[in-house]
Amino acid sequence: VIVLGCSHYPFVRPLIERLAGPLVRIIEPSDAIALQTRRVLEREGLL
């Protein structure tokens, strides 16, 4: 498993996947950040 720990790096994810090989899983937090943002908006009544 390889974590993309910089928000720039998803733009080279296809290259990283190609170089790392098919047996290595690549993950990055964009969707998790979006979900957390929605949770905070809901909690604060800001939607």
PDB file of all heavy atoms in Angstrom:
ATOM      1  N   VAL A   1       0.857  -1.183   0.000  1.00  0.00           N
ATOM      2  CA  VAL A   1       0.000   0.000   0.000  1.00  0.00           C
ATOM      3  C   VAL A   1       0.895   1.234   0.000  1.00  0.00           C
ATOM      4  O   VAL A   1       1.868   1.297   0.765  1.00  0.00           O
ATOM      5  CB  VAL A   1      -0.932   0.057   1.232  1.00  0.00           C
ATOM      6  CG1 VAL A   1      -1.848   1.271   1.145  1.00  0.00           C
ATOM      7  CG2 VAL A   1      -1.754  -1.216   1.352  1.00  0.00           C
ATOM      8  N   ILE A   2       0.570   2.195  -0.850  1.00  0.00           N
ATOM      9  CA  ILE A   2       1.295   3.459  -0.878  1.00  0.00           C
ATOM     10  C   ILE A   2       0.308   4.601  -0.689  1.00  0.00           C
ATOM     11  O   ILE A   2      -0.718   4.672  -1.376  1.00  0.00           O
ATOM     12  CB  ILE A   2       2.067   3.652  -2.201  1.00  0.00           C
ATOM     13  CG1 ILE A   2       3.187   2.611  -2.316  1.00  0.00           C
ATOM     14  CG2 ILE A   2       2.640   5.065  -2.298  1.00  0.00           C
ATOM     15  CD1 ILE A   2       3.942   2.669  -3.625  1.00  0.00           C
ATOM     16  N   VAL A   3       0.619   5.478   0.241  1.00  0.00           N
ATOM     17  CA  VAL A   3      -0.214   6.634   0.553  1.00  0.00           C
ATOM     18  C   VAL A   3       0.345   7.855  -0.170  1.00  0.00           C
ATOM     19  O   VAL A   3       1.546   8.139  -0.075  1.00  0.00           O
ATOM     20  CB  VAL A   3      -0.238   6.902   2.068  1.00  0.00           C
ATOM     21  CG1 VAL A   3      -1.048   8.159   2.373  1.00  0.00           C
ATOM     22  CG2 VAL A   3      -0.790   5.699   2.817  1.00  0.00           C
ATOM     23  N   LEU A   4      -0.512   8.564  -0.879  1.00  0.00           N
ATOM     24  CA  LEU A   4      -0.115   9.831  -1.494  1.00  0.00           C
ATOM     25  C   LEU A   4      -0.336  10.925  -0.457  1.00  0.00           C
ATOM     26  O   LEU A   4      -1.457  11.363  -0.219  1.00  0.00           O
ATOM     27  CB  LEU A   4      -0.926  10.093  -2.765  1.00  0.00           C
ATOM     28  CG  LEU A   4      -0.871   8.990  -3.836  1.00  0.00           C
ATOM     29  CD1 LEU A   4      -1.586   9.441  -5.109  1.00  0.00           C
ATOM     30  CD2 LEU A   4       0.557   8.585  -4.135  1.00  0.00           C
ATOM     31  N   GLY A   5       0.762  11.357   0.171  1.00  0.00           N
ATOM     32  CA  GLY A   5       0.688  12.278   1.304  1.00  0.00           C
ATOM     33  C   GLY A   5       0.847  13.733   0.936  1.00  0.00           C
ATOM     34  O   GLY A   5       1.260  14.541   1.768  1.00  0.00           O
ATOM     35  N   CYS A   6       0.532  14.089  -0.292  1.00  0.00           N
ATOM     36  CA  CYS A   6       0.558  15.479  -0.745  1.00  0.00           C
ATOM     37  C   CYS A   6      -0.582  15.641  -1.741  1.00  0.00           C
ATOM     38  O   CYS A   6      -0.772  14.777  -2.614  1.00  0.00           O
ATOM     39  CB  CYS A   6       1.902  15.811  -1.402  1.00  0.00           C
ATOM     40  SG  CYS A   6       1.952  17.440  -2.200  1.00  0.00           S
ATOM     41  N   SER A   7      -1.339  16.737  -1.629  1.00  0.00           N
ATOM     42  CA  SER A   7      -2.503  16.902  -2.503  1.00  0.00           C
ATOM     43  C   SER A   7      -2.117  17.087  -3.968  1.00  0.00           C
ATOM     44  O   SER A   7      -2.962  16.929  -4.856  1.00  0.00           O
ATOM     45  CB  SER A   7      -3.359  18.088  -2.034  1.00  0.00           C
ATOM     46  OG  SER A   7      -2.603  19.289  -2.004  1.00  0.00           O
ATOM     47  N   HIS A   8      -0.850  17.402  -4.239  1.00  0.00           N
ATOM     48  CA  HIS A   8      -0.392  17.471  -5.634  1.00  0.00           C
ATOM     49  C   HIS A   8      -0.281  16.079  -6.264  1.00  0.00           C
ATOM     50  O   HIS A   8      -0.477  15.921  -7.478  1.00  0.00           O
ATOM     51  CB  HIS A   8       0.990  18.136  -5.719  1.00  0.00           C
ATOM     52  CG  HIS A   8       0.979  19.626  -5.661  1.00  0.00           C
ATOM     53  ND1 HIS A   8       0.792  20.324  -4.486  1.00  0.00           N
ATOM     54  CD2 HIS A   8       1.140  20.558  -6.635  1.00  0.00           C
ATOM     55  CE1 HIS A   8       0.842  21.618  -4.736  1.00  0.00           C
ATOM     56  NE2 HIS A   8       1.056  21.793  -6.034  1.00  0.00           N
ATOM     57  N   TYR A   9       0.072  15.089  -5.466  1.00  0.00           N
ATOM     58  CA  TYR A   9       0.482  13.799  -6.022  1.00  0.00           C
ATOM     59  C   TYR A   9      -0.613  13.017  -6.760  1.00  0.00           C
ATOM     60  O   TYR A   9      -0.285  12.226  -7.659  1.00  0.00           O
ATOM     61  CB  TYR A   9       1.084  12.924  -4.920  1.00  0.00           C
ATOM     62  CG  TYR A   9       2.370  13.477  -4.324  1.00  0.00           C
ATOM     63  CD1 TYR A   9       2.984  12.841  -3.250  1.00  0.00           C
ATOM     64  CD2 TYR A   9       2.969  14.632  -4.815  1.00  0.00           C
ATOM     65  CE1 TYR A   9       4.160  13.336  -2.687  1.00  0.00           C
ATOM     66  CE2 TYR A   9       4.131  15.139  -4.253  1.00  0.00           C
ATOM     67  CZ  TYR A   9       4.725  14.490  -3.191  1.00  0.00           C
ATOM     68  OH  TYR A   9       5.878  14.981  -2.637  1.00  0.00           O
ATOM     69  N   PRO A  10      -1.911  13.200  -6.450  1.00  0.00           N
ATOM     70  CA  PRO A  10      -2.922  12.491  -7.248  1.00  0.00           C
ATOM     71  C   PRO A  10      -2.856  12.800  -8.748  1.00  0.00           C
ATOM     72  O   PRO A  10      -3.312  11.994  -9.562  1.00  0.00           O
ATOM     73  CB  PRO A  10      -4.248  12.966  -6.637  1.00  0.00           C
ATOM     74  CG  PRO A  10      -3.901  13.222  -5.205  1.00  0.00           C
ATOM     75  CD  PRO A  10      -2.535  13.832  -5.263  1.00  0.00           C
ATOM     76  N   PHE A  11      -2.276  13.943  -9.109  1.00  0.00           N
ATOM     77  CA  PHE A  11      -2.174  14.272 -10.529  1.00  0.00           C
ATOM     78  C   PHE A  11      -1.147  13.407 -11.248  1.00  0.00           C
ATOM     79  O   PHE A  11      -1.139  13.365 -12.494  1.00  0.00           O
ATOM     80  CB  PHE A  11      -1.858  15.760 -10.703  1.00  0.00           C
ATOM     81  CG  PHE A  11      -3.014  16.654 -10.336  1.00  0.00           C
ATOM     82  CD1 PHE A  11      -2.955  17.478  -9.227  1.00  0.00           C
ATOM     83  CD2 PHE A  11      -4.177  16.648 -11.085  1.00  0.00           C
ATOM     84  CE1 PHE A  11      -4.023  18.287  -8.875  1.00  0.00           C
ATOM     85  CE2 PHE A  11      -5.259  17.452 -10.747  1.00  0.00           C
ATOM     86  CZ  PHE A  11      -5.184  18.268  -9.629  1.00  0.00           C
ATOM     87  N   VAL A  12      -0.282  12.739 -10.503  1.00  0.00           N
ATOM     88  CA  VAL A  12       0.640  11.773 -11.122  1.00  0.00           C
ATOM     89  C   VAL A  12       0.339  10.358 -10.643  1.00  0.00           C
ATOM     90  O   VAL A  12       1.175   9.467 -10.748  1.00  0.00           O
ATOM     91  CB  VAL A  12       2.125  12.143 -10.842  1.00  0.00           C
ATOM     92  CG1 VAL A  12       2.524  13.377 -11.618  1.00  0.00           C
ATOM     93  CG2 VAL A  12       2.385  12.319  -9.349  1.00  0.00           C
ATOM     94  N   ARG A  13      -0.864  10.142 -10.162  1.00  0.00           N
ATOM     95  CA  ARG A  13      -1.246   8.810  -9.689  1.00  0.00           C
ATOM     96  C   ARG A  13      -1.112   7.741 -10.782  1.00  0.00           C
ATOM     97  O   ARG A  13      -0.608   6.644 -10.498  1.00  0.00           O
ATOM     98  CB  ARG A  13      -2.669   8.834  -9.138  1.00  0.00           C
ATOM     99  CG  ARG A  13      -3.158   7.471  -8.656  1.00  0.00           C
ATOM    100  CD  ARG A  13      -4.468   7.561  -7.913  1.00  0.00           C
ATOM    101  NE  ARG A  13      -4.904   6.265  -7.434  1.00  0.00           N
ATOM    102  CZ  ARG A  13      -5.867   6.091  -6.532  1.00  0.00           C
ATOM    103  NH1 ARG A  13      -6.479   7.144  -6.014  1.00  0.00           N
ATOM    104  NH2 ARG A  13      -6.205   4.880  -6.134  1.00  0.00           N
ATOM    105  N   PRO A  14      -1.557   8.009 -12.023  1.00  0.00           N
ATOM    106  CA  PRO A  14      -1.383   6.969 -13.054  1.00  0.00           C
ATOM    107  C   PRO A  14       0.074   6.551 -13.224  1.00  0.00           C
ATOM    108  O   PRO A  14       0.356   5.362 -13.417  1.00  0.00           O
ATOM    109  CB  PRO A  14      -1.936   7.640 -14.316  1.00  0.00           C
ATOM    110  CG  PRO A  14      -2.914   8.646 -13.807  1.00  0.00           C
ATOM    111  CD  PRO A  14      -2.295   9.169 -12.553  1.00  0.00           C
ATOM    112  N   LEU A  15       0.983   7.505 -13.148  1.00  0.00           N
ATOM    113  CA  LEU A  15       2.402   7.186 -13.279  1.00  0.00           C
ATOM    114  C   LEU A  15       2.889   6.377 -12.079  1.00  0.00           C
ATOM    115  O   LEU A  15       3.626   5.392 -12.230  1.00  0.00           O
ATOM    116  CB  LEU A  15       3.215   8.473 -13.421  1.00  0.00           C
ATOM    117  CG  LEU A  15       4.739   8.323 -13.466  1.00  0.00           C
ATOM    118  CD1 LEU A  15       5.159   7.391 -14.599  1.00  0.00           C
ATOM    119  CD2 LEU A  15       5.393   9.699 -13.621  1.00  0.00           C
ATOM    120  N   ILE A  16       2.483   6.776 -10.887  1.00  0.00           N
ATOM    121  CA  ILE A  16       2.878   6.041  -9.678  1.00  0.00           C
ATOM    122  C   ILE A  16       2.347   4.612  -9.725  1.00  0.00           C
ATOM    123  O   ILE A  16       3.059   3.659  -9.399  1.00  0.00           O
ATOM    124  CB  ILE A  16       2.376   6.776  -8.415  1.00  0.00           C
ATOM    125  CG1 ILE A  16       3.090   8.121  -8.267  1.00  0.00           C
ATOM    126  CG2 ILE A  16       2.594   5.931  -7.159  1.00  0.00           C
ATOM    127  CD1 ILE A  16       2.534   9.000  -7.167  1.00  0.00           C
ATOM    128  N   GLU A  17       1.097   4.453 -10.163  1.00  0.00           N
ATOM    129  CA  GLU A  17       0.522   3.111 -10.266  1.00  0.00           C
ATOM    130  C   GLU A  17       1.289   2.262 -11.270  1.00  0.00           C
ATOM    131  O   GLU A  17       1.531   1.072 -11.029  1.00  0.00           O
ATOM    132  CB  GLU A  17      -0.955   3.223 -10.667  1.00  0.00           C
ATOM    133  CG  GLU A  17      -1.845   3.762  -9.554  1.00  0.00           C
ATOM    134  CD  GLU A  17      -3.281   3.939  -9.989  1.00  0.00           C
ATOM    135  OE1 GLU A  17      -3.519   4.140 -11.211  1.00  0.00           O
ATOM    136  OE2 GLU A  17      -4.171   3.898  -9.118  1.00  0.00           O
ATOM    137  N   ARG A  18       1.664   2.869 -12.361  1.00  0.00           N
ATOM    138  CA  ARG A  18       2.400   2.119 -13.386  1.00  0.00           C
ATOM    139  C   ARG A  18       3.773   1.676 -12.874  1.00  0.00           C
ATOM    140  O   ARG A  18       4.200   0.540 -13.090  1.00  0.00           O
ATOM    141  CB  ARG A  18       2.558   2.991 -14.629  1.00  0.00           C
ATOM    142  CG  ARG A  18       3.115   2.242 -15.831  1.00  0.00           C
ATOM    143  CD  ARG A  18       3.050   3.068 -17.085  1.00  0.00           C
ATOM    144  NE  ARG A  18       4.135   4.030 -17.194  1.00  0.00           N
ATOM    145  CZ  ARG A  18       3.969   5.328 -17.384  1.00  0.00           C
ATOM    146  NH1 ARG A  18       2.755   5.838 -17.458  1.00  0.00           N
ATOM    147  NH2 ARG A  18       5.001   6.132 -17.499  1.00  0.00           N
ATOM    148  N   LEU A  19       4.466   2.574 -12.171  1.00  0.00           N
ATOM    149  CA  LEU A  19       5.804   2.269 -11.681  1.00  0.00           C
ATOM    150  C   LEU A  19       5.782   1.324 -10.481  1.00  0.00           C
ATOM    151  O   LEU A  19       6.684   0.501 -10.318  1.00  0.00           O
ATOM    152  CB  LEU A  19       6.532   3.565 -11.304  1.00  0.00           C
ATOM    153  CG  LEU A  19       6.844   4.514 -12.468  1.00  0.00           C
ATOM    154  CD1 LEU A  19       7.389   5.835 -11.949  1.00  0.00           C
ATOM    155  CD2 LEU A  19       7.825   3.872 -13.430  1.00  0.00           C
ATOM    156  N   ALA A  20       4.750   1.428  -9.650  1.00  0.00           N
ATOM    157  CA  ALA A  20       4.667   0.577  -8.461  1.00  0.00           C
ATOM    158  C   ALA A  20       4.215  -0.837  -8.799  1.00  0.00           C
ATOM    159  O   ALA A  20       4.552  -1.788  -8.097  1.00  0.00           O
ATOM    160  CB  ALA A  20       3.714   1.196  -7.436  1.00  0.00           C
ATOM    161  N   GLY A  21       3.441  -0.972  -9.861  1.00  0.00           N
ATOM    162  CA  GLY A  21       2.982  -2.292 -10.268  1.00  0.00           C
ATOM    163  C   GLY A  21       1.583  -2.605  -9.796  1.00  0.00           C
ATOM    164  O   GLY A  21       1.060  -1.969  -8.860  1.00  0.00           O
ATOM    165  N   PRO A  22       0.941  -3.594 -10.394  1.00  0.00           N
ATOM    166  CA  PRO A  22      -0.473  -3.892 -10.127  1.00  0.00           C
ATOM    167  C   PRO A  22      -0.753  -4.475  -8.750  1.00  0.00           C
ATOM    168  O   PRO A  22      -1.911  -4.509  -8.331  1.00  0.00           O
ATOM    169  CB  PRO A  22      -0.822  -4.904 -11.233  1.00  0.00           C
ATOM    170  CG  PRO A  22       0.483  -5.562 -11.555  1.00  0.00           C
ATOM    171  CD  PRO A  22       1.515  -4.489 -11.422  1.00  0.00           C
ATOM    172  N   LEU A  23       0.262  -4.950  -8.052  1.00  0.00           N
ATOM    173  CA  LEU A  23       0.045  -5.562  -6.737  1.00  0.00           C
ATOM    174  C   LEU A  23       0.066  -4.547  -5.598  1.00  0.00           C
ATOM    175  O   LEU A  23      -0.163  -4.903  -4.436  1.00  0.00           O
ATOM    176  CB  LEU A  23       1.100  -6.645  -6.480  1.00  0.00           C
ATOM    177  CG  LEU A  23       1.134  -7.800  -7.484  1.00  0.00           C
ATOM    178  CD1 LEU A  23       2.209  -8.806  -7.098  1.00  0.00           C
ATOM    179  CD2 LEU A  23      -0.225  -8.473  -7.586  1.00  0.00           C
ATOM    180  N   VAL A  24       0.349  -3.293  -5.916  1.00  0.00           N
ATOM    181  CA  VAL A  24       0.431  -2.244  -4.902  1.00  0.00           C
ATOM    182  C   VAL A  24      -0.800  -1.348  -4.996  1.00  0.00           C
ATOM    183  O   VAL A  24      -1.127  -0.847  -6.078  1.00  0.00           O
ATOM    184  CB  VAL A  24       1.711  -1.405  -5.065  1.00  0.00           C
ATOM    185  CG1 VAL A  24       1.754  -0.288  -4.021  1.00  0.00           C
ATOM    186  CG2 VAL A  24       2.948  -2.284  -4.950  1.00  0.00           C
ATOM    187  N   ARG A  25      -1.458  -1.147  -3.883  1.00  0.00           N
ATOM    188  CA  ARG A  25      -2.663  -0.306  -3.848  1.00  0.00           C
ATOM    189  C   ARG A  25      -2.271   1.134  -3.497  1.00  0.00           C
ATOM    190  O   ARG A  25      -1.488   1.365  -2.570  1.00  0.00           O
ATOM    191  CB  ARG A  25      -3.653  -0.848  -2.822  1.00  0.00           C
ATOM    192  CG  ARG A  25      -4.970  -0.096  -2.773  1.00  0.00           C
ATOM    193  CD  ARG A  25      -5.991  -0.841  -1.938  1.00  0.00           C
ATOM    194  NE  ARG A  25      -7.242  -0.117  -1.837  1.00  0.00           N
ATOM    195  CZ  ARG A  25      -8.295  -0.535  -1.151  1.00  0.00           C
ATOM    196  NH1 ARG A  25      -8.237  -1.698  -0.501  1.00  0.00           N
ATOM    197  NH2 ARG A  25      -9.402   0.174  -1.094  1.00  0.00           N
ATOM    198  N   ILE A  26      -2.813   2.091  -4.228  1.00  0.00           N
ATOM    199  CA  ILE A  26      -2.536   3.511  -4.002  1.00  0.00           C
ATOM    200  C   ILE A  26      -3.767   4.163  -3.385  1.00  0.00           C
ATOM    201  O   ILE A  26      -4.881   4.004  -3.898  1.00  0.00           O
ATOM    202  CB  ILE A  26      -2.192   4.234  -5.325  1.00  0.00           C
ATOM    203  CG1 ILE A  26      -1.126   3.470  -6.109  1.00  0.00           C
ATOM    204  CG2 ILE A  26      -1.758   5.662  -5.047  1.00  0.00           C
ATOM    205  CD1 ILE A  26       0.205   3.363  -5.437  1.00  0.00           C
ATOM    206  N   ILE A  27      -3.580   4.892  -2.293  1.00  0.00           N
ATOM    207  CA  ILE A  27      -4.715   5.576  -1.668  1.00  0.00           C
ATOM    208  C   ILE A  27      -4.364   7.040  -1.405  1.00  0.00           C
ATOM    209  O   ILE A  27      -3.208   7.383  -1.182  1.00  0.00           O
ATOM    210  CB  ILE A  27      -5.170   4.897  -0.355  1.00  0.00           C
ATOM    211  CG1 ILE A  27      -4.058   4.905   0.695  1.00  0.00           C
ATOM    212  CG2 ILE A  27      -5.623   3.469  -0.614  1.00  0.00           C
ATOM    213  CD1 ILE A  27      -4.531   4.372   2.040  1.00  0.00           C
ATOM    214  N   GLU A  28      -5.390   7.885  -1.476  1.00  0.00           N
ATOM    215  CA  GLU A  28      -5.241   9.310  -1.158  1.00  0.00           C
ATOM    216  C   GLU A  28      -6.560   9.805  -0.563  1.00  0.00           C
ATOM    217  O   GLU A  28      -7.599   9.179  -0.751  1.00  0.00           O
ATOM    218  CB  GLU A  28      -4.823  10.102  -2.399  1.00  0.00           C
ATOM    219  CG  GLU A  28      -5.695   9.912  -3.625  1.00  0.00           C
ATOM    220  CD  GLU A  28      -6.796  10.945  -3.725  1.00  0.00           C
ATOM    221  OE1 GLU A  28      -6.794  11.892  -2.919  1.00  0.00           O
ATOM    222  OE2 GLU A  28      -7.666  10.779  -4.596  1.00  0.00           O
ATOM    223  N   PRO A  29      -6.517  10.924   0.188  1.00  0.00           N
ATOM    224  CA  PRO A  29      -7.642  11.249   1.075  1.00  0.00           C
ATOM    225  C   PRO A  29      -8.703  12.203   0.539  1.00  0.00           C
ATOM    226  O   PRO A  29      -9.512  12.695   1.320  1.00  0.00           O
ATOM    227  CB  PRO A  29      -6.920  11.893   2.271  1.00  0.00           C
ATOM    228  CG  PRO A  29      -5.784  12.618   1.635  1.00  0.00           C
ATOM    229  CD  PRO A  29      -5.350  11.763   0.465  1.00  0.00           C
ATOM    230  N   SER A  30      -8.739  12.475  -0.770  1.00  0.00           N
ATOM    231  CA  SER A  30      -9.651  13.501  -1.282  1.00  0.00           C
ATOM    232  C   SER A  30     -11.104  13.269  -0.872  1.00  0.00           C
ATOM    233  O   SER A  30     -11.782  14.172  -0.367  1.00  0.00           O
ATOM    234  CB  SER A  30      -9.558  13.570  -2.811  1.00  0.00           C
ATOM    235  OG  SER A  30      -8.265  13.921  -3.224  1.00  0.00           O
ATOM    236  N   ASP A  31     -11.604  12.050  -1.084  1.00  0.00           N
ATOM    237  CA  ASP A  31     -13.003  11.758  -0.750  1.00  0.00           C
ATOM    238  C   ASP A  31     -13.253  11.850   0.755  1.00  0.00           C
ATOM    239  O   ASP A  31     -14.311  12.318   1.191  1.00  0.00           O
ATOM    240  CB  ASP A  31     -13.390  10.365  -1.260  1.00  0.00           C
ATOM    241  CG  ASP A  31     -13.457  10.295  -2.777  1.00  0.00           C
ATOM    242  OD1 ASP A  31     -13.632  11.354  -3.411  1.00  0.00           O
ATOM    243  OD2 ASP A  31     -13.321   9.192  -3.335  1.00  0.00           O
ATOM    244  N   ALA A  32     -12.276  11.417   1.547  1.00  0.00           N
ATOM    245  CA  ALA A  32     -12.420  11.494   3.006  1.00  0.00           C
ATOM    246  C   ALA A  32     -12.475  12.947   3.473  1.00  0.00           C
ATOM    247  O   ALA A  32     -13.247  13.282   4.392  1.00  0.00           O
ATOM    248  CB  ALA A  32     -11.264  10.763   3.689  1.00  0.00           C
ATOM    249  N   ILE A  33     -11.686  13.814   2.857  1.00  0.00           N
ATOM    250  CA  ILE A  33     -11.711  15.234   3.213  1.00  0.00           C
ATOM    251  C   ILE A  33     -13.065  15.847   2.855  1.00  0.00           C
ATOM    252  O   ILE A  33     -13.634  16.645   3.611  1.00  0.00           O
ATOM    253  CB  ILE A  33     -10.578  15.988   2.502  1.00  0.00           C
ATOM    254  CG1 ILE A  33      -9.214  15.454   2.953  1.00  0.00           C
ATOM    255  CG2 ILE A  33     -10.677  17.489   2.779  1.00  0.00           C
ATOM    256  CD1 ILE A  33      -8.977  15.519   4.432  1.00  0.00           C
ATOM    257  N   ALA A  34     -13.605  15.475   1.704  1.00  0.00           N
ATOM    258  CA  ALA A  34     -14.921  15.978   1.303  1.00  0.00           C
ATOM    259  C   ALA A  34     -15.998  15.532   2.284  1.00  0.00           C
ATOM    260  O   ALA A  34     -16.866  16.322   2.681  1.00  0.00           O
ATOM    261  CB  ALA A  34     -15.253  15.507  -0.112  1.00  0.00           C
ATOM    262  N   LEU A  35     -15.956  14.277   2.692  1.00  0.00           N
ATOM    263  CA  LEU A  35     -16.934  13.772   3.659  1.00  0.00           C
ATOM    264  C   LEU A  35     -16.811  14.483   5.002  1.00  0.00           C
ATOM    265  O   LEU A  35     -17.823  14.827   5.632  1.00  0.00           O
ATOM    266  CB  LEU A  35     -16.746  12.262   3.854  1.00  0.00           C
ATOM    267  CG  LEU A  35     -17.215  11.372   2.697  1.00  0.00           C
ATOM    268  CD1 LEU A  35     -16.722   9.942   2.897  1.00  0.00           C
ATOM    269  CD2 LEU A  35     -18.740  11.397   2.581  1.00  0.00           C
ATOM    270  N   GLN A  36     -15.576  14.726   5.443  1.00  0.00           N
ATOM    271  CA  GLN A  36     -15.376  15.431   6.708  1.00  0.00           C
ATOM    272  C   GLN A  36     -15.876  16.866   6.612  1.00  0.00           C
ATOM    273  O   GLN A  36     -16.470  17.394   7.562  1.00  0.00           O
ATOM    274  CB  GLN A  36     -13.892  15.407   7.096  1.00  0.00           C
ATOM    275  CG  GLN A  36     -13.548  16.197   8.358  1.00  0.00           C
ATOM    276  CD  GLN A  36     -14.223  15.673   9.615  1.00  0.00           C
ATOM    277  OE1 GLN A  36     -14.832  14.603   9.618  1.00  0.00           O
ATOM    278  NE2 GLN A  36     -14.116  16.424  10.703  1.00  0.00           N
ATOM    279  N   THR A  37     -15.676  17.489   5.468  1.00  0.00           N
ATOM    280  CA  THR A  37     -16.172  18.854   5.278  1.00  0.00           C
ATOM    281  C   THR A  37     -17.688  18.893   5.380  1.00  0.00           C
ATOM    282  O   THR A  37     -18.262  19.772   6.036  1.00  0.00           O
ATOM    283  CB  THR A  37     -15.723  19.395   3.902  1.00  0.00           C
ATOM    284  OG1 THR A  37     -14.293  19.405   3.848  1.00  0.00           O
ATOM    285  CG2 THR A  37     -16.247  20.803   3.679  1.00  0.00           C
ATOM    286  N   ARG A  38     -18.362  17.924   4.750  1.00  0.00           N
ATOM    287  CA  ARG A  38     -19.824  17.887   4.853  1.00  0.00           C
ATOM    288  C   ARG A  38     -20.257  17.658   6.296  1.00  0.00           C
ATOM    289  O   ARG A  38     -21.225  18.281   6.766  1.00  0.00           O
ATOM    290  CB  ARG A  38     -20.398  16.797   3.947  1.00  0.00           C
ATOM    291  CG  ARG A  38     -21.934  16.783   3.930  1.00  0.00           C
ATOM    292  CD  ARG A  38     -22.487  15.804   2.925  1.00  0.00           C
ATOM    293  NE  ARG A  38     -22.186  14.418   3.278  1.00  0.00           N
ATOM    294  CZ  ARG A  38     -22.549  13.370   2.541  1.00  0.00           C
ATOM    295  NH1 ARG A  38     -23.212  13.551   1.398  1.00  0.00           N
ATOM    296  NH2 ARG A  38     -22.249  12.141   2.919  1.00  0.00           N
ATOM    297  N   ARG A  39     -19.573  16.779   7.018  1.00  0.00           N
ATOM    298  CA  ARG A  39     -19.925  16.539   8.419  1.00  0.00           C
ATOM    299  C   ARG A  39     -19.805  17.814   9.248  1.00  0.00           C
ATOM    300  O   ARG A  39     -20.669  18.113  10.084  1.00  0.00           O
ATOM    301  CB  ARG A  39     -19.031  15.441   9.011  1.00  0.00           C
ATOM    302  CG  ARG A  39     -19.412  14.024   8.590  1.00  0.00           C
ATOM    303  CD  ARG A  39     -18.697  12.984   9.424  1.00  0.00           C
ATOM    304  NE  ARG A  39     -17.272  12.930   9.131  1.00  0.00           N
ATOM    305  CZ  ARG A  39     -16.721  12.080   8.276  1.00  0.00           C
ATOM    306  NH1 ARG A  39     -17.487  11.227   7.599  1.00  0.00           N
ATOM    307  NH2 ARG A  39     -15.418  12.082   8.072  1.00  0.00           N
ATOM    308  N   VAL A  40     -18.737  18.581   9.020  1.00  0.00           N
ATOM    309  CA  VAL A  40     -18.541  19.817   9.781  1.00  0.00           C
ATOM    310  C   VAL A  40     -19.600  20.848   9.410  1.00  0.00           C
ATOM    311  O   VAL A  40     -20.146  21.541  10.281  1.00  0.00           O
ATOM    312  CB  VAL A  40     -17.124  20.372   9.544  1.00  0.00           C
ATOM    313  CG1 VAL A  40     -16.962  21.736  10.215  1.00  0.00           C
ATOM    314  CG2 VAL A  40     -16.067  19.407  10.082  1.00  0.00           C
ATOM    315  N   LEU A  41     -19.916  20.968   8.130  1.00  0.00           N
ATOM    316  CA  LEU A  41     -20.974  21.888   7.708  1.00  0.00           C
ATOM    317  C   LEU A  41     -22.302  21.530   8.362  1.00  0.00           C
ATOM    318  O   LEU A  41     -23.044  22.414   8.826  1.00  0.00           O
ATOM    319  CB  LEU A  41     -21.118  21.859   6.189  1.00  0.00           C
ATOM    320  CG  LEU A  41     -19.991  22.479   5.358  1.00  0.00           C
ATOM    321  CD1 LEU A  41     -20.185  22.143   3.886  1.00  0.00           C
ATOM    322  CD2 LEU A  41     -19.922  23.982   5.550  1.00  0.00           C
ATOM    323  N   GLU A  42     -22.617  20.242   8.398  1.00  0.00           N
ATOM    324  CA  GLU A  42     -23.868  19.795   9.030  1.00  0.00           C
ATOM    325  C   GLU A  42     -23.844  20.085  10.525  1.00  0.00           C
ATOM    326  O   GLU A  42     -24.838  20.570  11.093  1.00  0.00           O
ATOM    327  CB  GLU A  42     -24.061  18.303   8.772  1.00  0.00           C
ATOM    328  CG  GLU A  42     -24.372  17.963   7.316  1.00  0.00           C
ATOM    329  CD  GLU A  42     -24.359  16.467   7.040  1.00  0.00           C
ATOM    330  OE1 GLU A  42     -23.792  15.701   7.866  1.00  0.00           O
ATOM    331  OE2 GLU A  42     -24.919  16.044   6.012  1.00  0.00           O
ATOM    332  N   ARG A  43     -22.732  19.793  11.163  1.00  0.00           N
ATOM    333  CA  ARG A  43     -22.613  20.006  12.611  1.00  0.00           C
ATOM    334  C   ARG A  43     -22.772  21.476  12.987  1.00  0.00           C
ATOM    335  O   ARG A  43     -23.412  21.813  13.987  1.00  0.00           O
ATOM    336  CB  ARG A  43     -21.247  19.502  13.081  1.00  0.00           C
ATOM    337  CG  ARG A  43     -21.017  19.605  14.585  1.00  0.00           C
ATOM    338  CD  ARG A  43     -19.570  19.304  14.910  1.00  0.00           C
ATOM    339  NE  ARG A  43     -18.697  20.391  14.489  1.00  0.00           N
ATOM    340  CZ  ARG A  43     -17.395  20.256  14.230  1.00  0.00           C
ATOM    341  NH1 ARG A  43     -16.819  19.064  14.314  1.00  0.00           N
ATOM    342  NH2 ARG A  43     -16.681  21.307  13.872  1.00  0.00           N
ATOM    343  N   GLU A  44     -22.220  22.357  12.166  1.00  0.00           N
ATOM    344  CA  GLU A  44     -22.247  23.790  12.458  1.00  0.00           C
ATOM    345  C   GLU A  44     -23.472  24.496  11.877  1.00  0.00           C
ATOM    346  O   GLU A  44     -23.623  25.704  12.049  1.00  0.00           O
ATOM    347  CB  GLU A  44     -20.972  24.453  11.916  1.00  0.00           C
ATOM    348  CG  GLU A  44     -19.674  23.898  12.474  1.00  0.00           C
ATOM    349  CD  GLU A  44     -19.497  24.213  13.942  1.00  0.00           C
ATOM    350  OE1 GLU A  44     -20.075  25.225  14.407  1.00  0.00           O
ATOM    351  OE2 GLU A  44     -18.764  23.468  14.634  1.00  0.00           O
ATOM    352  N   GLY A  45     -24.331  23.740  11.197  1.00  0.00           N
ATOM    353  CA  GLY A  45     -25.506  24.349  10.573  1.00  0.00           C
ATOM    354  C   GLY A  45     -25.150  25.285   9.440  1.00  0.00           C
ATOM    355  O   GLY A  45     -25.782  26.327   9.248  1.00  0.00           O
ATOM    356  N   LEU A  46     -24.134  24.913   8.644  1.00  0.00           N
ATOM    357  CA  LEU A  46     -23.612  25.795   7.610  1.00  0.00           C
ATOM    358  C   LEU A  46     -23.847  25.298   6.182  1.00  0.00           C
ATOM    359  O   LEU A  46     -23.370  25.918   5.231  1.00  0.00           O
ATOM    360  CB  LEU A  46     -22.104  25.997   7.819  1.00  0.00           C
ATOM    361  CG  LEU A  46     -21.704  26.838   9.023  1.00  0.00           C
ATOM    362  CD1 LEU A  46     -20.197  26.824   9.198  1.00  0.00           C
ATOM    363  CD2 LEU A  46     -22.211  28.263   8.875  1.00  0.00           C
ATOM    364  N   LEU A  47     -24.539  24.187   6.006  1.00  0.00           N
ATOM    365  CA  LEU A  47     -24.826  23.729   4.653  1.00  0.00           C
ATOM    366  C   LEU A  47     -25.630  24.785   3.901  1.00  0.00           C
ATOM    367  O   LEU A  47     -26.532  25.414   4.459  1.00  0.00           O
ATOM    368  CB  LEU A  47     -25.596  22.416   4.681  1.00  0.00           C
ATOM    369  CG  LEU A  47     -24.795  21.126   4.883  1.00  0.00           C
ATOM    370  CD1 LEU A  47     -25.733  19.954   5.104  1.00  0.00           C
ATOM    371  CD2 LEU A  47     -23.876  20.864   3.693  1.00  0.00           C
TER     372      LEU A  47
END
